[in-house]
Amino acid sequence: MIQNISILAGVALTTLMVLLPRVSQAPLWRATVTPLASIMGSGFLVPSLLAALRAHRTDRPLTQTALYVALALLGLVIAIFGVPVE
């Protein structure tokens, strides 16, 4: 229950932050959104599906594998935002 509330709170906070005019109209944000959306859209679908197949073949719980995939994707997003833009 607390995990669900934390997730919803994080999504709500992120949504509010992105909708702020100062953020949504910033040139840096606009330059970041399209490539990031492309990476997340296509680049994360394949590893997620492969992880699900691996979990199925090794009889590991899908929730455990999903946690590792989510952490890996979070790490990639953090790394992407850490790249300086000139």
C-alpha atoms as a PDB file:
ATOM      1  CA  MET A   1       0.000   0.000   0.000  1.00  0.00           C
ATOM      2  CA  ILE A   2       2.752   2.462   0.946  1.00  0.00           C
ATOM      3  CA  GLN A   3       4.635   1.558  -2.228  1.00  0.00           C
ATOM      4  CA  ASN A   4       1.607   2.407  -4.368  1.00  0.00           C
ATOM      5  CA  ILE A   5       1.189   5.739  -2.612  1.00  0.00           C
ATOM      6  CA  SER A   6       4.893   6.514  -3.092  1.00  0.00           C
ATOM      7  CA  ILE A   7       4.717   5.727  -6.790  1.00  0.00           C
ATOM      8  CA  LEU A   8       1.602   7.851  -7.284  1.00  0.00           C
ATOM      9  CA  ALA A   9       3.138  10.732  -5.327  1.00  0.00           C
ATOM     10  CA  GLY A  10       6.322  10.558  -7.420  1.00  0.00           C
ATOM     11  CA  VAL A  11       4.372  10.512 -10.677  1.00  0.00           C
ATOM     12  CA  ALA A  12       2.199  13.428  -9.530  1.00  0.00           C
ATOM     13  CA  LEU A  13       5.204  15.480  -8.429  1.00  0.00           C
ATOM     14  CA  THR A  14       7.074  14.807 -11.668  1.00  0.00           C
ATOM     15  CA  THR A  15       4.005  15.688 -13.732  1.00  0.00           C
ATOM     16  CA  LEU A  16       3.512  18.959 -11.887  1.00  0.00           C
ATOM     17  CA  MET A  17       7.168  19.833 -12.272  1.00  0.00           C
ATOM     18  CA  VAL A  18       7.144  19.145 -16.015  1.00  0.00           C
ATOM     19  CA  LEU A  19       3.990  21.192 -16.512  1.00  0.00           C
ATOM     20  CA  LEU A  20       5.520  24.320 -14.981  1.00  0.00           C
ATOM     21  CA  PRO A  21       5.936  26.910 -17.752  1.00  0.00           C
ATOM     22  CA  ARG A  22       9.509  27.594 -16.674  1.00  0.00           C
ATOM     23  CA  VAL A  23      10.401  23.947 -17.342  1.00  0.00           C
ATOM     24  CA  SER A  24       8.129  23.092 -20.272  1.00  0.00           C
ATOM     25  CA  GLN A  25       9.141  26.155 -22.306  1.00  0.00           C
ATOM     26  CA  ALA A  26      12.851  25.978 -21.616  1.00  0.00           C
ATOM     27  CA  PRO A  27      14.954  25.293 -24.741  1.00  0.00           C
ATOM     28  CA  LEU A  28      17.058  22.728 -22.891  1.00  0.00           C
ATOM     29  CA  TRP A  29      13.940  20.788 -21.885  1.00  0.00           C
ATOM     30  CA  ARG A  30      12.620  20.785 -25.439  1.00  0.00           C
ATOM     31  CA  ALA A  31      15.962  19.580 -26.765  1.00  0.00           C
ATOM     32  CA  THR A  32      15.988  16.793 -24.175  1.00  0.00           C
ATOM     33  CA  VAL A  33      12.444  15.516 -24.466  1.00  0.00           C
ATOM     34  CA  THR A  34      12.474  14.154 -28.009  1.00  0.00           C
ATOM     35  CA  PRO A  35      15.669  12.073 -27.823  1.00  0.00           C
ATOM     36  CA  LEU A  36      14.815  10.877 -24.339  1.00  0.00           C
ATOM     37  CA  ALA A  37      11.321   9.846 -25.424  1.00  0.00           C
ATOM     38  CA  SER A  38      12.800   7.972 -28.358  1.00  0.00           C
ATOM     39  CA  ILE A  39      15.297   6.150 -26.162  1.00  0.00           C
ATOM     40  CA  MET A  40      12.674   5.264 -23.601  1.00  0.00           C
ATOM     41  CA  GLY A  41      10.123   4.249 -26.203  1.00  0.00           C
ATOM     42  CA  SER A  42      12.205   1.930 -28.328  1.00  0.00           C
ATOM     43  CA  GLY A  43      15.309   1.224 -26.302  1.00  0.00           C
ATOM     44  CA  PHE A  44      13.513   0.134 -23.146  1.00  0.00           C
ATOM     45  CA  LEU A  45      10.905  -2.079 -24.759  1.00  0.00           C
ATOM     46  CA  VAL A  46      13.386  -4.661 -26.007  1.00  0.00           C
ATOM     47  CA  PRO A  47      15.329  -5.139 -22.723  1.00  0.00           C
ATOM     48  CA  SER A  48      12.082  -5.348 -20.786  1.00  0.00           C
ATOM     49  CA  LEU A  49      10.740  -8.074 -23.033  1.00  0.00           C
ATOM     50  CA  LEU A  50      14.032  -9.963 -22.942  1.00  0.00           C
ATOM     51  CA  ALA A  51      14.080  -9.796 -19.151  1.00  0.00           C
ATOM     52  CA  ALA A  52      10.532 -11.116 -19.006  1.00  0.00           C
ATOM     53  CA  LEU A  53      11.467 -14.014 -21.288  1.00  0.00           C
ATOM     54  CA  ARG A  54      14.528 -14.771 -19.174  1.00  0.00           C
ATOM     55  CA  ALA A  55      12.431 -14.791 -16.026  1.00  0.00           C
ATOM     56  CA  HIS A  56      10.009 -17.197 -17.662  1.00  0.00           C
ATOM     57  CA  ARG A  57      12.774 -19.576 -18.750  1.00  0.00           C
ATOM     58  CA  THR A  58      14.603 -19.612 -15.417  1.00  0.00           C
ATOM     59  CA  ASP A  59      11.502 -19.890 -13.215  1.00  0.00           C
ATOM     60  CA  ARG A  60      12.446 -16.677 -11.440  1.00  0.00           C
ATOM     61  CA  PRO A  61       9.578 -14.571 -10.206  1.00  0.00           C
ATOM     62  CA  LEU A  62       8.712 -11.924 -12.771  1.00  0.00           C
ATOM     63  CA  THR A  63       8.397  -9.320 -10.034  1.00  0.00           C
ATOM     64  CA  GLN A  64      12.050  -9.811  -9.043  1.00  0.00           C
ATOM     65  CA  THR A  65      13.184  -9.499 -12.646  1.00  0.00           C
ATOM     66  CA  ALA A  66      10.924  -6.487 -13.171  1.00  0.00           C
ATOM     67  CA  LEU A  67      12.551  -4.797 -10.194  1.00  0.00           C
ATOM     68  CA  TYR A  68      16.011  -5.290 -11.698  1.00  0.00           C
ATOM     69  CA  VAL A  69      14.823  -4.010 -15.078  1.00  0.00           C
ATOM     70  CA  ALA A  70      13.221  -0.955 -13.468  1.00  0.00           C
ATOM     71  CA  LEU A  71      16.415  -0.187 -11.547  1.00  0.00           C
ATOM     72  CA  ALA A  72      18.511  -0.576 -14.683  1.00  0.00           C
ATOM     73  CA  LEU A  73      16.223   1.722 -16.645  1.00  0.00           C
ATOM     74  CA  LEU A  74      16.295   4.267 -13.828  1.00  0.00           C
ATOM     75  CA  GLY A  75      20.088   4.143 -13.932  1.00  0.00           C
ATOM     76  CA  LEU A  76      20.045   4.766 -17.683  1.00  0.00           C
ATOM     77  CA  VAL A  77      17.728   7.749 -17.310  1.00  0.00           C
ATOM     78  CA  ILE A  78      19.927   9.226 -14.577  1.00  0.00           C
ATOM     79  CA  ALA A  79      22.994   8.683 -16.744  1.00  0.00           C
ATOM     80  CA  ILE A  80      21.295  10.363 -19.716  1.00  0.00           C
ATOM     81  CA  PHE A  81      20.413  13.408 -17.655  1.00  0.00           C
ATOM     82  CA  GLY A  82      24.000  13.537 -16.405  1.00  0.00           C
ATOM     83  CA  VAL A  83      25.397  14.091 -19.892  1.00  0.00           C
ATOM     84  CA  PRO A  84      26.206  17.776 -20.360  1.00  0.00           C
ATOM     85  CA  VAL A  85      24.525  19.565 -23.244  1.00  0.00           C
ATOM     86  CA  GLU A  86      26.492  22.243 -25.029  1.00  0.00           C
END
